[in-house]
C-alpha atoms as a PDB file:
ATOM      1  CA  MET A   1    -129.170  25.461-148.496  1.00  0.00           C
ATOM      2  CA  ASN A   2    -126.795  27.297-146.202  1.00  0.00           C
ATOM      3  CA  GLN A   3    -128.102  30.127-144.077  1.00  0.00           C
ATOM      4  CA  SER A   4    -126.170  33.299-144.150  1.00  0.00           C
ATOM      5  CA  ALA A   5    -123.799  34.196-141.273  1.00  0.00           C
ATOM      6  CA  ASP A   6    -126.262  37.086-140.385  1.00  0.00           C
ATOM      7  CA  THR A   7    -129.193  34.883-140.174  1.00  0.00           C
ATOM      8  CA  LEU A   8    -127.353  32.202-138.007  1.00  0.00           C
ATOM      9  CA  ALA A   9    -126.134  35.015-135.771  1.00  0.00           C
ATOM     10  CA  LEU A  10    -129.589  36.476-135.406  1.00  0.00           C
ATOM     11  CA  GLU A  11    -130.983  33.025-134.657  1.00  0.00           C
ATOM     12  CA  ALA A  12    -128.189  32.401-131.994  1.00  0.00           C
ATOM     13  CA  ILE A  13    -128.848  35.742-130.348  1.00  0.00           C
ATOM     14  CA  GLN A  14    -132.760  34.950-130.406  1.00  0.00           C
ATOM     15  CA  LYS A  15    -132.141  31.700-128.625  1.00  0.00           C
ATOM     16  CA  PHE A  16    -129.825  33.308-126.000  1.00  0.00           C
ATOM     17  CA  ILE A  17    -132.610  35.863-125.315  1.00  0.00           C
ATOM     18  CA  VAL A  18    -135.037  33.051-124.807  1.00  0.00           C
ATOM     19  CA  LEU A  19    -132.789  31.454-122.239  1.00  0.00           C
ATOM     20  CA  TYR A  20    -132.080  34.722-120.500  1.00  0.00           C
ATOM     21  CA  ARG A  21    -135.751  35.676-120.340  1.00  0.00           C
ATOM     22  CA  TYR A  22    -136.631  32.303-119.033  1.00  0.00           C
ATOM     23  CA  LEU A  23    -134.001  32.605-116.242  1.00  0.00           C
ATOM     24  CA  ARG A  24    -135.182  36.072-115.389  1.00  0.00           C
ATOM     25  CA  ARG A  25    -138.829  34.936-115.136  1.00  0.00           C
ATOM     26  CA  TYR A  26    -137.948  31.952-112.965  1.00  0.00           C
ATOM     27  CA  SER A  27    -135.917  34.030-110.724  1.00  0.00           C
ATOM     28  CA  ARG A  28    -138.826  36.470-110.348  1.00  0.00           C
ATOM     29  CA  ASN A  29    -141.288  33.572-109.616  1.00  0.00           C
ATOM     30  CA  LEU A  30    -139.032  32.270-106.964  1.00  0.00           C
ATOM     31  CA  GLN A  31    -138.726  35.801-105.276  1.00  0.00           C
ATOM     32  CA  CYS A  32    -142.519  36.016-105.266  1.00  0.00           C
ATOM     33  CA  GLN A  33    -142.592  32.831-103.347  1.00  0.00           C
ATOM     34  CA  GLY A  34    -139.862  34.100-100.985  1.00  0.00           C
ATOM     35  CA  VAL A  35    -136.944  32.080-102.163  1.00  0.00           C
ATOM     36  CA  ARG A  36    -133.913  32.969-104.176  1.00  0.00           C
ATOM     37  CA  GLY A  37    -132.318  30.703-106.822  1.00  0.00           C
ATOM     38  CA  ARG A  38    -129.161  30.190-104.932  1.00  0.00           C
ATOM     39  CA  GLU A  39    -131.150  29.215-101.756  1.00  0.00           C
ATOM     40  CA  LEU A  40    -133.057  26.775-103.962  1.00  0.00           C
ATOM     41  CA  SER A  41    -129.963  25.346-105.544  1.00  0.00           C
ATOM     42  CA  THR A  42    -128.385  24.971-102.128  1.00  0.00           C
ATOM     43  CA  LEU A  43    -131.564  23.228-100.626  1.00  0.00           C
ATOM     44  CA  ARG A  44    -131.609  20.840-103.650  1.00  0.00           C
ATOM     45  CA  TYR A  45    -127.902  20.065-103.320  1.00  0.00           C
ATOM     46  CA  LEU A  46    -128.266  19.341 -99.571  1.00  0.00           C
ATOM     47  CA  HIS A  47    -131.217  17.266-100.152  1.00  0.00           C
ATOM     48  CA  GLU A  48    -129.248  15.285-102.792  1.00  0.00           C
ATOM     49  CA  GLU A  49    -125.851  14.883-100.977  1.00  0.00           C
ATOM     50  CA  GLY A  50    -126.754  15.257 -97.378  1.00  0.00           C
ATOM     51  CA  PRO A  51    -124.938  17.404 -94.869  1.00  0.00           C
ATOM     52  CA  LEU A  52    -122.104  19.378 -96.427  1.00  0.00           C
ATOM     53  CA  THR A  53    -119.308  21.871 -95.473  1.00  0.00           C
ATOM     54  CA  ILE A  54    -119.422  25.508 -96.448  1.00  0.00           C
ATOM     55  CA  GLY A  55    -116.488  24.848 -98.772  1.00  0.00           C
ATOM     56  CA  GLN A  56    -118.398  21.988-100.527  1.00  0.00           C
ATOM     57  CA  ILE A  57    -121.407  24.197-101.109  1.00  0.00           C
ATOM     58  CA  SER A  58    -119.076  27.061-102.218  1.00  0.00           C
ATOM     59  CA  ASP A  59    -117.500  24.805-104.798  1.00  0.00           C
ATOM     60  CA  TYR A  60    -120.882  23.593-106.066  1.00  0.00           C
ATOM     61  CA  MET A  61    -122.384  27.086-106.353  1.00  0.00           C
ATOM     62  CA  PHE A  62    -119.264  28.747-107.845  1.00  0.00           C
ATOM     63  CA  ILE A  63    -119.336  31.511-105.205  1.00  0.00           C
ATOM     64  CA  SER A  64    -116.765  32.536-102.467  1.00  0.00           C
ATOM     65  CA  THR A  65    -116.779  31.064 -99.113  1.00  0.00           C
ATOM     66  CA  SER A  66    -117.707  34.401 -97.511  1.00  0.00           C
ATOM     67  CA  SER A  67    -120.641  34.675 -99.975  1.00  0.00           C
ATOM     68  CA  THR A  68    -121.681  31.114 -99.098  1.00  0.00           C
ATOM     69  CA  SER A  69    -121.519  31.923 -95.391  1.00  0.00           C
ATOM     70  CA  GLU A  70    -123.893  34.802 -95.947  1.00  0.00           C
ATOM     71  CA  LEU A  71    -126.161  32.610 -97.901  1.00  0.00           C
ATOM     72  CA  ILE A  72    -126.149  29.843 -95.289  1.00  0.00           C
ATOM     73  CA  SER A  73    -126.866  32.557 -92.633  1.00  0.00           C
ATOM     74  CA  ARG A  74    -129.752  33.773 -94.475  1.00  0.00           C
ATOM     75  CA  MET A  75    -131.209  30.322 -95.004  1.00  0.00           C
ATOM     76  CA  GLU A  76    -130.632  29.557 -91.393  1.00  0.00           C
ATOM     77  CA  GLU A  77    -132.555  32.652 -90.159  1.00  0.00           C
ATOM     78  CA  ALA A  78    -135.354  31.485 -92.555  1.00  0.00           C
ATOM     79  CA  GLY A  79    -135.245  27.982 -90.796  1.00  0.00           C
ATOM     80  CA  TYR A  80    -134.295  26.078 -93.932  1.00  0.00           C
ATOM     81  CA  VAL A  81    -130.912  24.898 -92.707  1.00  0.00           C
ATOM     82  CA  MET A  82    -128.912  24.406 -89.502  1.00  0.00           C
ATOM     83  CA  ARG A  83    -125.196  24.085 -88.812  1.00  0.00           C
ATOM     84  CA  ARG A  84    -123.766  21.209 -86.815  1.00  0.00           C
ATOM     85  CA  ARG A  85    -120.165  20.613 -85.710  1.00  0.00           C
ATOM     86  CA  SER A  86    -118.512  17.323 -86.689  1.00  0.00           C
ATOM     87  CA  THR A  87    -118.348  14.721 -83.854  1.00  0.00           C
ATOM     88  CA  VAL A  88    -115.055  13.515 -85.447  1.00  0.00           C
ATOM     89  CA  ASP A  89    -113.440  16.915 -85.794  1.00  0.00           C
ATOM     90  CA  SER A  90    -115.007  19.832 -84.019  1.00  0.00           C
ATOM     91  CA  ARG A  91    -113.267  22.236 -86.341  1.00  0.00           C
ATOM     92  CA  VAL A  92    -115.519  21.145 -89.211  1.00  0.00           C
ATOM     93  CA  VAL A  93    -119.084  22.507 -89.370  1.00  0.00           C
ATOM     94  CA  PHE A  94    -121.729  20.836 -91.574  1.00  0.00           C
ATOM     95  CA  VAL A  95    -124.768  22.430 -92.956  1.00  0.00           C
ATOM     96  CA  GLU A  96    -127.951  20.442 -93.096  1.00  0.00           C
ATOM     97  CA  LEU A  97    -131.593  20.698 -94.008  1.00  0.00           C
ATOM     98  CA  THR A  98    -134.227  21.292 -91.498  1.00  0.00           C
ATOM     99  CA  PRO A  99    -137.638  19.711 -91.827  1.00  0.00           C
ATOM    100  CA  GLU A 100    -138.878  23.016 -93.452  1.00  0.00           C
ATOM    101  CA  GLY A 101    -135.899  23.043 -95.751  1.00  0.00           C
ATOM    102  CA  LEU A 102    -136.550  19.594 -96.849  1.00  0.00           C
ATOM    103  CA  GLN A 103    -140.170  20.268 -97.347  1.00  0.00           C
ATOM    104  CA  LEU A 104    -139.349  23.385 -99.461  1.00  0.00           C
ATOM    105  CA  ALA A 105    -136.616  21.328-101.451  1.00  0.00           C
ATOM    106  CA  ASP A 106    -139.378  18.741-102.340  1.00  0.00           C
ATOM    107  CA  GLU A 107    -142.230  21.367-103.164  1.00  0.00           C
ATOM    108  CA  MET A 108    -140.340  23.855-105.140  1.00  0.00           C
ATOM    109  CA  PRO A 109    -140.776  23.468-108.919  1.00  0.00           C
ATOM    110  CA  THR A 110    -137.303  22.817-110.453  1.00  0.00           C
ATOM    111  CA  GLY A 111    -136.387  25.274-113.276  1.00  0.00           C
ATOM    112  CA  GLY A 112    -133.758  27.802-113.958  1.00  0.00           C
ATOM    113  CA  ILE A 113    -130.034  26.832-112.979  1.00  0.00           C
ATOM    114  CA  PRO A 114    -131.254  24.049-110.660  1.00  0.00           C
ATOM    115  CA  LEU A 115    -132.892  22.307-113.694  1.00  0.00           C
ATOM    116  CA  LEU A 116    -129.883  22.881-115.743  1.00  0.00           C
ATOM    117  CA  ARG A 117    -127.601  21.436-113.121  1.00  0.00           C
ATOM    118  CA  GLU A 118    -129.854  18.180-113.191  1.00  0.00           C
ATOM    119  CA  LYS A 119    -130.409  17.933-116.958  1.00  0.00           C
ATOM    120  CA  ILE A 120    -127.064  18.829-118.297  1.00  0.00           C
ATOM    121  CA  LYS A 121    -125.622  15.677-116.581  1.00  0.00           C
ATOM    122  CA  THR A 122    -127.868  13.548-118.677  1.00  0.00           C
ATOM    123  CA  LEU A 123    -126.391  14.788-121.996  1.00  0.00           C
ATOM    124  CA  PRO A 124    -124.233  12.298-123.984  1.00  0.00           C
ATOM    125  CA  HIS A 125    -120.433  13.188-123.480  1.00  0.00           C
ATOM    126  CA  ASP A 126    -119.951  14.517-127.068  1.00  0.00           C
ATOM    127  CA  GLU A 127    -123.009  16.761-126.648  1.00  0.00           C
ATOM    128  CA  LEU A 128    -121.796  18.008-123.375  1.00  0.00           C
ATOM    129  CA  VAL A 129    -118.457  18.853-124.871  1.00  0.00           C
ATOM    130  CA  LEU A 130    -120.212  20.776-127.631  1.00  0.00           C
ATOM    131  CA  VAL A 131    -122.285  22.756-125.013  1.00  0.00           C
ATOM    132  CA  ASP A 132    -119.098  23.481-123.009  1.00  0.00           C
ATOM    133  CA  GLU A 133    -117.315  24.728-126.145  1.00  0.00           C
ATOM    134  CA  ALA A 134    -120.298  26.869-127.046  1.00  0.00           C
ATOM    135  CA  PHE A 135    -120.513  28.507-123.614  1.00  0.00           C
ATOM    136  CA  SER A 136    -116.598  29.148-123.498  1.00  0.00           C
ATOM    137  CA  LYS A 137    -116.999  30.689-127.073  1.00  0.00           C
ATOM    138  CA  LEU A 138    -119.840  33.006-125.882  1.00  0.00           C
ATOM    139  CA  ILE A 139    -117.820  34.137-122.793  1.00  0.00           C
ATOM    140  CA  GLY A 140    -114.991  34.870-125.131  1.00  0.00           C
ATOM    141  CA  VAL A 141    -117.168  36.689-127.715  1.00  0.00           C
ATOM    142  CA  MET A 142    -118.663  38.842-124.883  1.00  0.00           C
ATOM    143  CA  GLU A 143    -114.911  39.494-123.616  1.00  0.00           C
ATOM    144  CA  ILE A 144    -115.888  38.416-120.098  1.00  0.00           C
ATOM    145  CA  ASP A 145    -113.373  37.852-117.547  1.00  0.00           C
ATOM    146  CA  ALA A 146    -115.028  34.445-116.140  1.00  0.00           C
ATOM    147  CA  GLN A 147    -113.013  34.635-113.035  1.00  0.00           C
ATOM    148  CA  GLU A 148    -114.686  37.813-112.038  1.00  0.00           C
ATOM    149  CA  TYR A 149    -118.148  36.087-111.891  1.00  0.00           C
ATOM    150  CA  GLU A 150    -116.869  32.800-110.223  1.00  0.00           C
END
């Protein structure tokens, strides 16, 4: 028995709303604990990959280098990260976790986009292709200029 297009569209919207509400709730819970989602994603990335440059963090977070610099400055003021010049090339600055940042990365529950970043990599290739195509289609349906949000 085939579902009607209206029924399928309604179910798709309901699933999207579930994801949206989940992400909003997760973000609010983080903010109540004094952490922002981007900060937690950055902490986890630094925890996994070790010291990184602003450019590497920027690429991972899909935000501009100036936004990344502001993010790192806030995290530095909070005591979660510190900047260190490369001993090989003094023009290169690395960002690394402080003990407080490491503790926070270990203790904070994983959810939201950080959880998606971890779990999506575990999907089989053919499923990952389908997910990518579905998100691309949603961006197109909503007539979103994706570059505006990178």
